[in-house]
N, C-alpha and C. Protein backbone atom coordinates (compact mmCIF):
# COMPACT_ATOMS: atom_id res chain seq x y z
N MET A 1 103.24 65.01 61.23
CA MET A 1 104.35 63.88 60.44
C MET A 1 104.21 62.61 61.58
N GLY A 2 103.30 63.00 62.93
CA GLY A 2 103.45 62.03 63.56
C GLY A 2 102.27 61.00 63.47
N VAL A 3 101.18 61.71 63.06
CA VAL A 3 99.97 61.00 62.27
C VAL A 3 100.24 60.59 60.95
N LYS A 4 101.02 60.97 59.66
CA LYS A 4 101.42 60.53 58.81
C LYS A 4 102.34 59.33 58.86
N LEU A 5 103.01 58.91 60.16
CA LEU A 5 103.77 57.63 60.51
C LEU A 5 102.22 56.64 61.31
N ARG A 6 101.62 57.17 61.79
CA ARG A 6 101.09 56.28 62.26
C ARG A 6 100.03 55.68 61.17
N LYS A 7 99.58 56.54 60.57
CA LYS A 7 98.40 55.91 59.45
C LYS A 7 99.71 54.76 58.36
N LYS A 8 100.94 55.04 58.55
CA LYS A 8 101.61 54.52 57.25
C LYS A 8 101.89 52.73 58.37
N TRP A 9 102.31 52.55 59.45
CA TRP A 9 102.07 51.48 60.46
C TRP A 9 101.10 51.04 60.91
N ASP A 10 99.88 51.60 60.47
CA ASP A 10 98.34 50.85 61.26
C ASP A 10 97.93 50.30 60.16
N LEU A 11 98.03 50.52 58.93
CA LEU A 11 97.30 50.21 57.74
C LEU A 11 97.78 48.06 57.33
N PRO A 12 99.29 48.15 57.55
CA PRO A 12 99.26 46.64 57.70
C PRO A 12 99.16 45.80 58.93
N LEU A 13 98.78 46.29 60.06
CA LEU A 13 98.72 45.56 60.94
C LEU A 13 97.11 45.24 60.61
N GLU A 14 96.12 46.45 59.92
CA GLU A 14 94.77 46.59 59.82
C GLU A 14 94.41 45.61 58.96
N ARG A 15 95.43 45.18 58.04
CA ARG A 15 95.56 44.03 57.06
C ARG A 15 95.25 42.44 57.56
N LYS A 16 96.81 42.46 58.97
CA LYS A 16 96.30 41.13 59.05
C LYS A 16 95.53 40.61 60.07
N ALA A 17 94.77 41.99 61.04
CA ALA A 17 94.18 41.86 61.56
C ALA A 17 92.73 40.99 60.90
N ALA A 18 92.53 41.64 59.71
CA ALA A 18 91.36 41.69 59.05
C ALA A 18 91.59 39.72 58.32
N PHE A 19 93.05 39.79 57.87
CA PHE A 19 93.29 38.45 57.23
C PHE A 19 92.95 36.84 58.44
N ALA A 20 93.57 37.94 59.79
CA ALA A 20 93.47 36.52 60.88
C ALA A 20 92.09 36.63 61.24
N VAL A 21 91.15 37.36 61.19
CA VAL A 21 89.91 36.91 61.18
C VAL A 21 89.34 35.64 60.07
N LEU A 22 89.68 36.34 59.51
CA LEU A 22 88.99 35.42 58.15
C LEU A 22 90.11 34.06 58.24
N ALA A 23 90.87 33.97 58.28
CA ALA A 23 91.38 32.21 58.13
C ALA A 23 91.20 31.64 59.35
N VAL A 24 91.08 32.24 61.07
CA VAL A 24 90.02 31.99 61.93
C VAL A 24 88.82 31.42 61.67
N SER A 25 87.63 32.16 60.70
CA SER A 25 86.69 31.77 59.89
C SER A 25 86.90 30.55 59.58
N PHE A 26 87.89 30.39 58.30
CA PHE A 26 88.24 29.29 57.30
C PHE A 26 88.39 28.21 58.02
N LEU A 27 89.72 28.40 59.17
CA LEU A 27 89.70 27.40 59.96
C LEU A 27 88.96 26.00 60.83
N LEU A 28 87.92 27.19 61.19
CA LEU A 28 86.65 27.00 61.83
C LEU A 28 86.08 25.94 60.98
N GLY A 29 85.53 26.40 59.95
CA GLY A 29 84.42 25.62 59.25
C GLY A 29 85.02 24.72 58.76
N GLY A 30 86.69 24.49 58.20
CA GLY A 30 87.67 22.87 58.25
C GLY A 30 87.08 22.44 59.37
N GLY A 31 87.58 22.87 60.20
CA GLY A 31 87.21 21.67 61.53
C GLY A 31 85.97 21.19 61.70
N ALA A 32 84.77 21.81 61.04
CA ALA A 32 83.59 21.14 61.21
C ALA A 32 83.07 20.30 60.57
N GLY A 33 83.87 20.64 58.82
CA GLY A 33 83.86 19.85 58.21
C GLY A 33 84.36 18.66 58.77
N CYS A 34 85.22 18.48 59.48
CA CYS A 34 86.35 17.25 59.83
C CYS A 34 85.09 16.41 60.36
N LEU A 35 84.89 17.72 62.20
CA LEU A 35 83.70 16.50 63.02
C LEU A 35 82.54 15.75 62.05
N PHE A 36 82.40 16.64 61.13
CA PHE A 36 81.21 16.20 60.63
C PHE A 36 81.26 14.85 59.59
N ALA A 37 82.19 14.72 59.00
CA ALA A 37 82.48 13.37 58.58
C ALA A 37 83.01 12.88 59.29
N ALA A 38 83.80 12.46 60.72
CA ALA A 38 83.84 12.02 61.39
C ALA A 38 82.72 11.08 62.09
N LEU A 39 82.03 12.38 62.34
CA LEU A 39 80.62 11.88 62.94
C LEU A 39 79.66 11.08 61.75
N SER A 40 80.01 10.65 60.94
CA SER A 40 79.12 9.76 60.12
C SER A 40 79.17 8.86 60.33
N GLY A 41 77.27 8.13 60.35
CA GLY A 41 78.46 6.55 60.90
C GLY A 41 76.62 5.59 60.46
N GLY A 42 77.46 4.39 60.53
CA GLY A 42 75.97 3.59 60.49
C GLY A 42 75.63 3.94 58.78
N ALA A 43 74.25 3.52 58.29
CA ALA A 43 73.91 4.05 56.93
C ALA A 43 74.60 4.87 56.11
N GLY A 44 74.85 6.36 56.89
CA GLY A 44 75.53 6.95 56.02
C GLY A 44 76.95 6.96 55.73
N ALA A 45 77.30 6.03 56.68
CA ALA A 45 79.01 5.47 56.48
C ALA A 45 78.93 5.08 55.38
N GLU A 46 78.07 4.13 55.29
CA GLU A 46 78.05 2.99 53.85
C GLU A 46 77.96 3.30 52.82
N GLU A 47 77.17 4.45 53.14
CA GLU A 47 76.34 5.60 51.45
C GLU A 47 77.58 6.12 51.27
N LEU A 48 78.63 7.06 52.16
CA LEU A 48 79.69 7.36 51.79
C LEU A 48 80.80 6.72 51.56
N CYS A 49 81.09 5.77 51.79
CA CYS A 49 82.44 4.79 51.23
C CYS A 49 81.65 3.65 49.63
N ALA A 50 79.99 3.66 49.51
CA ALA A 50 79.85 3.79 48.34
C ALA A 50 79.97 4.82 47.37
N TYR A 51 79.70 6.00 47.40
CA TYR A 51 79.51 6.86 46.41
C TYR A 51 80.91 7.34 46.55
N LEU A 52 82.12 7.26 46.78
CA LEU A 52 83.02 7.68 47.07
C LEU A 52 84.47 6.35 46.04
N SER A 53 83.71 5.48 46.21
CA SER A 53 83.87 4.24 45.82
C SER A 53 84.45 4.44 44.40
N GLY A 54 82.50 4.15 43.80
CA GLY A 54 81.61 5.04 42.47
C GLY A 54 82.06 5.67 41.83
N TYR A 55 82.58 7.12 42.72
CA TYR A 55 83.10 8.45 41.92
C TYR A 55 84.69 7.76 41.50
N LEU A 56 85.18 7.49 41.64
CA LEU A 56 87.05 6.87 41.81
C LEU A 56 86.62 5.83 40.87
N GLY A 57 85.86 4.85 40.77
CA GLY A 57 85.85 4.04 39.84
C GLY A 57 85.84 4.77 38.52
N LEU A 58 84.90 5.47 38.21
CA LEU A 58 84.48 6.37 36.72
C LEU A 58 85.22 7.47 36.89
N ALA A 59 86.24 7.89 38.07
CA ALA A 59 87.36 8.61 37.54
C ALA A 59 88.41 7.80 37.06
N ALA A 60 88.72 6.16 37.74
CA ALA A 60 90.00 5.21 36.67
C ALA A 60 89.46 5.04 35.54
N GLU A 61 88.41 5.24 34.84
CA GLU A 61 87.31 5.10 33.59
C GLU A 61 87.11 6.44 32.51
N GLY A 62 87.94 7.21 33.15
CA GLY A 62 87.68 8.58 32.93
C GLY A 62 86.49 8.92 32.19
N GLU A 63 85.31 8.43 32.55
CA GLU A 63 83.46 8.33 32.42
C GLU A 63 83.36 9.47 33.50
N LEU A 64 83.92 10.56 33.68
CA LEU A 64 83.95 11.50 35.08
C LEU A 64 82.65 12.15 34.43
N PRO A 65 81.23 12.53 34.90
CA PRO A 65 80.64 14.09 33.92
C PRO A 65 80.77 15.30 34.64
N ARG A 66 81.25 16.22 33.88
CA ARG A 66 82.45 17.30 34.48
C ARG A 66 82.25 18.27 33.09
N GLY A 67 81.08 19.36 33.46
CA GLY A 67 80.92 20.20 32.63
C GLY A 67 81.70 21.96 32.80
N LEU A 68 82.23 22.09 32.33
CA LEU A 68 82.97 23.37 32.22
C LEU A 68 82.49 24.76 32.86
N TRP A 69 80.71 24.80 32.38
CA TRP A 69 80.18 26.18 33.48
C TRP A 69 80.40 26.10 34.58
N PRO A 70 79.23 24.78 34.78
CA PRO A 70 78.99 23.88 36.68
C PRO A 70 80.61 24.39 37.54
N LEU A 71 81.66 23.88 36.74
CA LEU A 71 82.96 23.89 37.32
C LEU A 71 83.44 25.37 37.29
N MET A 72 83.07 26.27 36.50
CA MET A 72 83.68 28.03 36.51
C MET A 72 83.19 27.89 37.84
N TRP A 73 81.80 28.01 37.75
CA TRP A 73 80.63 28.83 38.64
C TRP A 73 80.56 28.66 39.68
N GLY A 74 81.58 27.45 40.09
CA GLY A 74 81.51 26.29 41.59
C GLY A 74 82.72 27.31 42.12
N GLN A 75 83.51 27.74 41.41
CA GLN A 75 84.80 28.80 42.05
C GLN A 75 84.47 29.87 41.99
N LEU A 76 83.51 30.60 40.91
CA LEU A 76 83.74 32.09 41.08
C LEU A 76 82.23 32.71 41.75
N LYS A 77 81.70 31.63 42.32
CA LYS A 77 80.41 31.96 43.36
C LYS A 77 80.86 32.66 44.55
N TYR A 78 81.86 32.02 45.56
CA TYR A 78 83.18 32.46 46.40
C TYR A 78 83.14 33.87 46.16
N LEU A 79 84.57 33.60 45.19
CA LEU A 79 84.55 35.26 44.58
C LEU A 79 83.90 36.48 44.59
N LEU A 80 83.06 36.11 43.95
CA LEU A 80 81.60 36.99 43.94
C LEU A 80 80.83 37.61 45.14
N ALA A 81 80.07 36.39 45.76
CA ALA A 81 79.88 36.37 47.09
C ALA A 81 80.47 37.36 47.89
N ALA A 82 82.08 36.97 48.05
CA ALA A 82 83.13 37.96 48.42
C ALA A 82 83.46 39.70 48.02
N PHE A 83 83.47 39.22 46.90
CA PHE A 83 83.51 40.92 46.46
C PHE A 83 81.65 41.76 46.82
N ALA A 84 80.60 41.15 46.60
CA ALA A 84 79.43 41.55 47.24
C ALA A 84 79.26 42.18 48.29
N LEU A 85 79.70 41.57 49.40
CA LEU A 85 79.46 41.54 50.74
C LEU A 85 80.82 43.18 51.29
N SER A 86 82.04 42.80 50.32
CA SER A 86 82.77 44.09 50.39
C SER A 86 82.15 45.28 49.69
N LEU A 87 80.81 45.53 49.03
CA LEU A 87 79.89 46.82 49.06
C LEU A 87 79.32 47.09 49.89
N THR A 88 79.36 46.44 51.52
CA THR A 88 78.57 47.01 52.43
C THR A 88 78.74 46.50 53.48
N ALA A 89 78.28 47.33 54.45
CA ALA A 89 78.84 47.16 55.90
C ALA A 89 78.58 45.61 56.63
N LEU A 90 77.15 45.06 55.66
CA LEU A 90 77.39 43.86 56.34
C LEU A 90 78.37 42.73 56.22
N GLY A 91 79.63 43.19 55.44
CA GLY A 91 80.64 42.37 55.07
C GLY A 91 81.81 42.30 56.40
N VAL A 92 81.07 42.91 57.33
CA VAL A 92 82.11 42.88 58.61
C VAL A 92 81.76 41.32 58.41
N ALA A 93 80.55 40.96 58.75
CA ALA A 93 79.71 39.77 59.86
C ALA A 93 79.80 38.80 58.43
N GLY A 94 79.48 38.72 57.14
CA GLY A 94 79.00 38.20 55.92
C GLY A 94 80.34 37.45 55.64
N LEU A 95 81.68 38.36 55.69
CA LEU A 95 82.65 37.66 54.86
C LEU A 95 83.48 36.63 55.76
N PRO A 96 83.16 36.26 57.33
CA PRO A 96 83.63 35.68 58.38
C PRO A 96 82.53 34.45 58.35
N VAL A 97 81.25 34.74 57.43
CA VAL A 97 80.53 33.60 57.60
C VAL A 97 80.68 32.65 56.24
N LEU A 98 81.26 34.00 55.26
CA LEU A 98 81.25 32.83 54.10
C LEU A 98 82.57 32.20 54.15
N PHE A 99 83.46 32.26 54.52
CA PHE A 99 85.62 31.72 54.75
C PHE A 99 84.88 30.56 55.64
N GLY A 100 83.71 30.60 56.98
CA GLY A 100 83.91 29.16 57.44
C GLY A 100 83.11 28.17 56.38
N ILE A 101 82.23 28.93 55.36
CA ILE A 101 81.65 28.32 54.51
C ILE A 101 82.46 27.67 53.68
N ARG A 102 83.43 28.21 52.99
CA ARG A 102 84.08 27.84 52.43
C ARG A 102 85.12 26.84 52.50
N GLY A 103 85.31 27.25 53.92
CA GLY A 103 86.79 25.73 54.41
C GLY A 103 85.66 24.70 54.59
N PHE A 104 84.07 24.77 55.39
CA PHE A 104 83.83 23.52 55.30
C PHE A 104 84.01 23.26 54.22
N PHE A 105 82.93 23.02 53.59
CA PHE A 105 82.88 23.08 52.05
C PHE A 105 84.63 22.41 51.26
N PHE A 106 85.67 22.79 51.31
CA PHE A 106 87.55 22.66 51.39
C PHE A 106 87.35 21.39 51.71
N VAL A 107 87.34 21.55 53.11
CA VAL A 107 88.07 20.39 54.01
C VAL A 107 87.06 19.38 54.08
N PHE A 108 85.82 19.00 53.78
CA PHE A 108 84.68 18.33 54.25
C PHE A 108 85.24 17.17 53.68
N PRO A 109 85.20 16.97 52.06
CA PRO A 109 85.64 15.96 51.14
C PRO A 109 86.85 15.15 51.41
N VAL A 110 88.07 16.20 51.66
CA VAL A 110 89.05 15.64 52.16
C VAL A 110 88.79 14.58 53.03
N ALA A 111 88.07 15.11 54.26
CA ALA A 111 87.77 14.11 55.57
C ALA A 111 87.07 13.18 55.00
N CYS A 112 86.29 12.95 54.11
CA CYS A 112 85.61 11.74 53.96
C CYS A 112 86.68 10.88 53.08
N PHE A 113 87.39 11.37 52.08
CA PHE A 113 88.31 10.63 51.41
C PHE A 113 89.14 9.73 52.20
N CYS A 114 89.95 10.36 53.74
CA CYS A 114 90.68 9.93 54.66
C CYS A 114 89.71 8.43 55.23
N ARG A 115 88.43 9.34 55.85
CA ARG A 115 87.80 8.07 56.51
C ARG A 115 87.53 7.49 55.68
N VAL A 116 87.03 7.20 54.41
CA VAL A 116 87.00 5.90 53.86
C VAL A 116 88.12 4.95 53.40
N PHE A 117 88.94 5.63 52.41
CA PHE A 117 90.25 5.18 51.89
C PHE A 117 91.73 5.61 53.50
N GLY A 118 91.22 5.93 54.16
CA GLY A 118 92.89 5.67 54.90
C GLY A 118 93.60 7.08 54.44
N GLY A 119 95.04 6.94 54.83
CA GLY A 119 95.64 7.70 54.64
C GLY A 119 96.27 7.91 52.64
N ARG A 120 95.39 6.79 51.88
CA ARG A 120 95.82 6.73 50.81
C ARG A 120 94.54 7.76 49.95
N GLY A 121 93.85 8.12 50.72
CA GLY A 121 92.98 8.86 50.24
C GLY A 121 93.35 10.43 50.18
N LEU A 122 94.48 10.77 50.94
CA LEU A 122 94.83 11.72 51.02
C LEU A 122 95.31 12.46 49.34
N PHE A 123 95.72 11.93 48.25
CA PHE A 123 96.57 12.32 47.00
C PHE A 123 95.12 12.53 46.06
N PRO A 124 94.38 11.53 46.22
CA PRO A 124 92.83 11.61 45.16
C PRO A 124 92.21 13.41 45.76
N ALA A 125 91.78 13.32 47.17
CA ALA A 125 91.81 14.39 47.25
C ALA A 125 92.35 15.53 47.32
N PHE A 126 93.47 15.65 47.07
CA PHE A 126 94.49 16.68 47.18
C PHE A 126 94.58 16.95 45.33
N LEU A 127 94.15 16.09 44.86
CA LEU A 127 94.09 16.76 43.63
C LEU A 127 92.19 16.65 43.06
N LEU A 128 91.70 16.59 44.19
CA LEU A 128 90.27 16.88 43.31
C LEU A 128 89.93 18.34 44.33
N VAL A 129 90.59 18.81 45.36
CA VAL A 129 90.22 19.80 46.21
C VAL A 129 91.12 20.81 45.86
N GLY A 130 92.41 20.27 46.75
CA GLY A 130 93.14 20.82 47.18
C GLY A 130 94.74 21.56 45.38
N LEU A 131 94.37 20.74 44.32
CA LEU A 131 95.41 21.76 43.41
C LEU A 131 94.87 22.65 43.28
N SER A 132 93.49 22.41 43.05
CA SER A 132 92.72 23.93 42.36
C SER A 132 93.10 25.44 43.38
N ALA A 133 93.15 24.88 44.97
CA ALA A 133 93.08 25.64 46.08
C ALA A 133 94.47 26.79 45.81
N LEU A 134 95.14 25.83 44.97
CA LEU A 134 96.44 26.63 45.43
C LEU A 134 96.27 28.30 44.38
N LEU A 135 95.58 28.58 43.50
CA LEU A 135 95.24 29.02 42.68
C LEU A 135 93.60 30.17 43.06
N TRP A 136 92.63 29.68 44.00
CA TRP A 136 91.61 30.47 44.57
C TRP A 136 91.98 30.29 45.49
N ALA A 137 92.69 29.89 47.12
CA ALA A 137 92.45 30.52 47.72
C ALA A 137 93.37 31.63 47.60
N PRO A 138 94.15 31.82 47.87
CA PRO A 138 95.26 33.59 47.57
C PRO A 138 94.16 34.52 47.08
N ALA A 139 93.66 34.14 45.61
CA ALA A 139 92.21 34.89 45.30
C ALA A 139 91.75 35.59 46.64
N LEU A 140 91.48 34.30 47.33
CA LEU A 140 89.54 34.72 47.65
C LEU A 140 90.32 35.38 49.09
N PHE A 141 91.38 34.62 49.89
CA PHE A 141 92.17 36.33 51.02
C PHE A 141 92.40 36.97 50.74
N LEU A 142 92.77 37.27 49.46
CA LEU A 142 93.32 38.75 48.98
C LEU A 142 91.77 39.43 48.57
N MET A 143 90.98 39.16 48.01
CA MET A 143 89.80 39.70 47.92
C MET A 143 89.12 40.02 49.33
N GLY A 144 88.97 39.03 50.09
CA GLY A 144 88.37 39.03 51.68
C GLY A 144 88.79 39.79 52.10
N THR A 145 89.83 39.99 52.47
CA THR A 145 91.14 40.48 53.27
C THR A 145 90.64 42.13 52.60
N SER A 146 90.52 42.77 51.52
CA SER A 146 90.46 44.10 51.54
C SER A 146 89.16 44.82 51.65
N GLY A 147 88.16 43.50 51.43
CA GLY A 147 86.73 43.40 51.59
C GLY A 147 86.51 43.70 52.81
N PHE A 148 86.99 43.36 53.49
CA PHE A 148 86.74 42.97 55.68
C PHE A 148 87.21 44.43 55.45
N LEU A 149 87.66 45.47 55.41
CA LEU A 149 88.40 46.37 55.65
C LEU A 149 87.64 47.46 55.17
N THR A 150 87.41 47.20 53.91
CA THR A 150 86.08 48.25 53.08
C THR A 150 84.67 48.14 54.04
N ALA A 151 84.20 46.92 53.67
CA ALA A 151 83.26 46.83 55.22
C ALA A 151 82.88 47.37 56.45
N ARG A 152 84.33 47.47 56.52
CA ARG A 152 84.34 48.18 58.24
C ARG A 152 84.52 49.65 58.30
N GLN A 153 85.10 50.23 57.15
CA GLN A 153 84.77 51.45 57.21
C GLN A 153 82.97 52.20 56.34
N LEU A 154 82.66 51.17 55.70
CA LEU A 154 81.44 51.64 55.95
C LEU A 154 80.80 51.60 57.23
N LEU A 155 80.98 50.38 57.45
CA LEU A 155 79.96 50.65 59.24
C LEU A 155 80.46 51.59 60.17
N ARG A 156 81.34 52.06 60.01
CA ARG A 156 81.93 53.05 60.91
C ARG A 156 81.46 54.37 60.52
N ARG A 157 81.12 54.61 59.03
CA ARG A 157 80.91 55.78 58.62
C ARG A 157 81.93 56.59 57.98
N THR A 158 82.86 56.08 57.76
CA THR A 158 83.98 57.10 57.54
C THR A 158 84.66 56.97 56.51
N SER A 159 85.23 57.68 55.45
CA SER A 159 85.34 58.00 54.05
C SER A 159 86.53 56.99 53.80
N GLY A 160 88.12 57.14 54.50
CA GLY A 160 88.82 56.25 54.62
C GLY A 160 90.10 56.63 53.49
N GLU A 161 91.21 55.46 53.16
CA GLU A 161 91.49 55.85 51.87
C GLU A 161 92.23 54.54 51.58
N GLY A 162 92.19 53.98 49.92
CA GLY A 162 92.41 52.93 49.65
C GLY A 162 90.85 52.24 49.09
N GLY A 163 91.02 51.05 49.75
CA GLY A 163 89.83 49.93 50.36
C GLY A 163 89.39 49.83 48.97
N LEU A 164 88.39 48.67 48.85
CA LEU A 164 87.73 48.14 47.09
C LEU A 164 87.56 49.19 46.40
N PHE A 165 87.30 50.53 46.77
CA PHE A 165 87.32 51.52 45.73
C PHE A 165 88.79 52.56 45.14
N SER A 166 89.66 51.86 45.56
CA SER A 166 90.97 52.82 44.47
C SER A 166 91.21 52.02 43.54
N PRO A 167 92.23 52.11 42.77
CA PRO A 167 92.58 51.97 41.44
C PRO A 167 93.15 50.46 41.79
N VAL A 168 93.83 50.62 42.99
CA VAL A 168 95.39 49.29 43.23
C VAL A 168 94.10 48.13 43.56
N CYS A 169 92.47 48.43 44.33
CA CYS A 169 92.46 47.39 44.94
C CYS A 169 91.07 46.49 43.58
N TRP A 170 91.22 47.47 43.01
CA TRP A 170 89.98 47.14 41.32
C TRP A 170 91.36 46.13 40.85
N TYR A 171 92.32 46.93 40.58
CA TYR A 171 93.67 45.73 40.10
C TYR A 171 93.81 44.31 40.77
N GLN A 172 93.33 44.44 42.14
CA GLN A 172 93.68 43.73 43.23
C GLN A 172 92.33 42.65 42.15
N ALA A 173 91.41 43.01 42.28
CA ALA A 173 90.26 42.00 41.97
C ALA A 173 90.20 41.83 40.14
N GLY A 174 90.62 42.45 39.94
CA GLY A 174 91.34 41.54 38.39
C GLY A 174 91.79 40.54 38.60
N ALA A 175 93.10 40.73 39.27
CA ALA A 175 94.23 39.35 39.41
C ALA A 175 93.36 38.34 39.93
N CYS A 176 92.32 38.60 41.27
CA CYS A 176 91.61 37.84 42.41
C CYS A 176 90.63 37.13 40.93
N LEU A 177 89.85 37.56 40.15
CA LEU A 177 89.21 36.88 39.04
C LEU A 177 90.10 35.71 38.57
N CYS A 178 91.22 36.75 37.56
CA CYS A 178 92.15 35.87 36.96
C CYS A 178 92.77 34.25 37.42
N LEU A 179 92.99 34.52 39.36
CA LEU A 179 93.00 33.50 39.31
C LEU A 179 92.22 32.28 39.60
N THR A 180 91.31 33.02 39.90
CA THR A 180 89.78 31.74 40.22
C THR A 180 89.13 31.29 39.09
N LEU A 181 89.62 32.16 37.73
CA LEU A 181 89.05 31.16 36.93
C LEU A 181 90.39 30.04 36.14
N ALA A 182 91.15 30.28 36.47
CA ALA A 182 92.55 29.76 36.11
C ALA A 182 92.17 28.41 37.31
N ALA A 183 91.29 28.49 38.19
CA ALA A 183 91.45 27.53 39.14
C ALA A 183 90.25 26.66 38.41
N GLY A 184 89.76 27.03 38.14
CA GLY A 184 88.52 26.45 36.89
C GLY A 184 88.79 25.80 36.10
N LEU A 185 89.75 26.57 34.80
CA LEU A 185 90.13 25.76 34.39
C LEU A 185 90.73 24.48 34.55
N LEU A 186 92.05 24.65 35.65
CA LEU A 186 92.89 23.48 35.68
C LEU A 186 91.77 22.51 36.36
N GLU A 187 91.02 22.81 37.01
CA GLU A 187 89.86 21.58 37.43
C GLU A 187 89.38 21.06 36.82
N PHE A 188 88.63 21.41 35.35
CA PHE A 188 88.67 20.85 34.06
C PHE A 188 89.36 19.85 33.23
N TRP A 189 90.31 20.60 32.94
CA TRP A 189 91.37 19.82 32.09
C TRP A 189 92.72 19.27 32.63
N ILE A 190 93.51 19.62 33.87
CA ILE A 190 94.20 19.10 34.25
C ILE A 190 93.66 17.75 35.58
N VAL A 191 92.76 17.86 36.54
CA VAL A 191 92.53 17.31 37.85
C VAL A 191 92.08 15.66 37.02
N PRO A 192 90.86 15.70 35.68
CA PRO A 192 90.75 14.66 35.48
C PRO A 192 91.44 13.40 35.70
N ALA A 193 92.91 14.13 34.69
CA ALA A 193 93.54 13.39 33.91
C ALA A 193 94.26 12.50 35.13
N LEU A 194 94.60 13.76 35.92
CA LEU A 194 95.48 13.68 37.38
C LEU A 194 94.41 11.91 37.91
N LEU A 195 93.35 12.60 38.36
CA LEU A 195 92.79 11.53 39.22
C LEU A 195 92.33 10.32 38.69
N CYS A 196 92.33 10.04 37.76
CA CYS A 196 92.38 9.02 36.45
C CYS A 196 93.14 7.92 37.40
N ALA A 197 94.62 8.63 36.81
CA ALA A 197 95.72 7.70 37.39
C ALA A 197 95.41 7.40 38.93
N ALA A 198 95.57 8.48 39.79
CA ALA A 198 95.28 8.07 41.13
C ALA A 198 94.44 6.92 41.80
N ALA A 199 93.20 7.13 41.32
CA ALA A 199 91.87 6.52 41.04
C ALA A 199 92.56 4.99 41.14
N ARG A 200 93.33 4.72 40.07
CA ARG A 200 93.47 3.47 39.57
C ARG A 200 94.66 2.82 40.58
N VAL A 201 95.06 3.54 41.55
CA VAL A 201 96.34 3.36 42.88
C VAL A 201 95.45 3.26 43.53
N VAL A 202 94.42 3.98 44.15
CA VAL A 202 93.64 3.60 45.66
C VAL A 202 92.52 3.25 45.55
N LEU A 203 92.05 2.63 44.14
CA LEU A 203 91.40 1.42 44.49
C LEU A 203 91.49 -0.09 44.31
């Protein structure tokens, strides 16, 4: 009885610990993105300003070149990488690195917009990267948390219960895939129109 109760209470703690590891990695990557954007100066800062101003200019005119498949791949590659790392013990180290990279590329454009346009840059930055994050972020963290636990089981050479190979986790993987695809479709269909309006206000 004691063993069953211990297993019942240990699993949520393990999931919380795995989530915390990935969240810290994501935040560290985001911090690195902020620092990298803040340290760019001189010619690099001028090029950044010119690039973002030109980008918003194209957005205001509705002329941004945005292909569906590149956008979908941009969303799916992180989820697929998390899934692949979940199938091996290397995921114990690989998943935190992946989340750090995702955090960097999520925060860096936001920091760049704020660096160039000040507080006004938050609105187009949110539309460009934050709106779709409302869908892909829960999917990525759900996949990553389950995958981290599975990778740790593989590292310890234990059979364990559940993990990525249980039916429930396959259902979770399917839900994560649907959310990520929805994020790509949102970025393709909805974001350009909203970004067009935001660019006209900022510029």
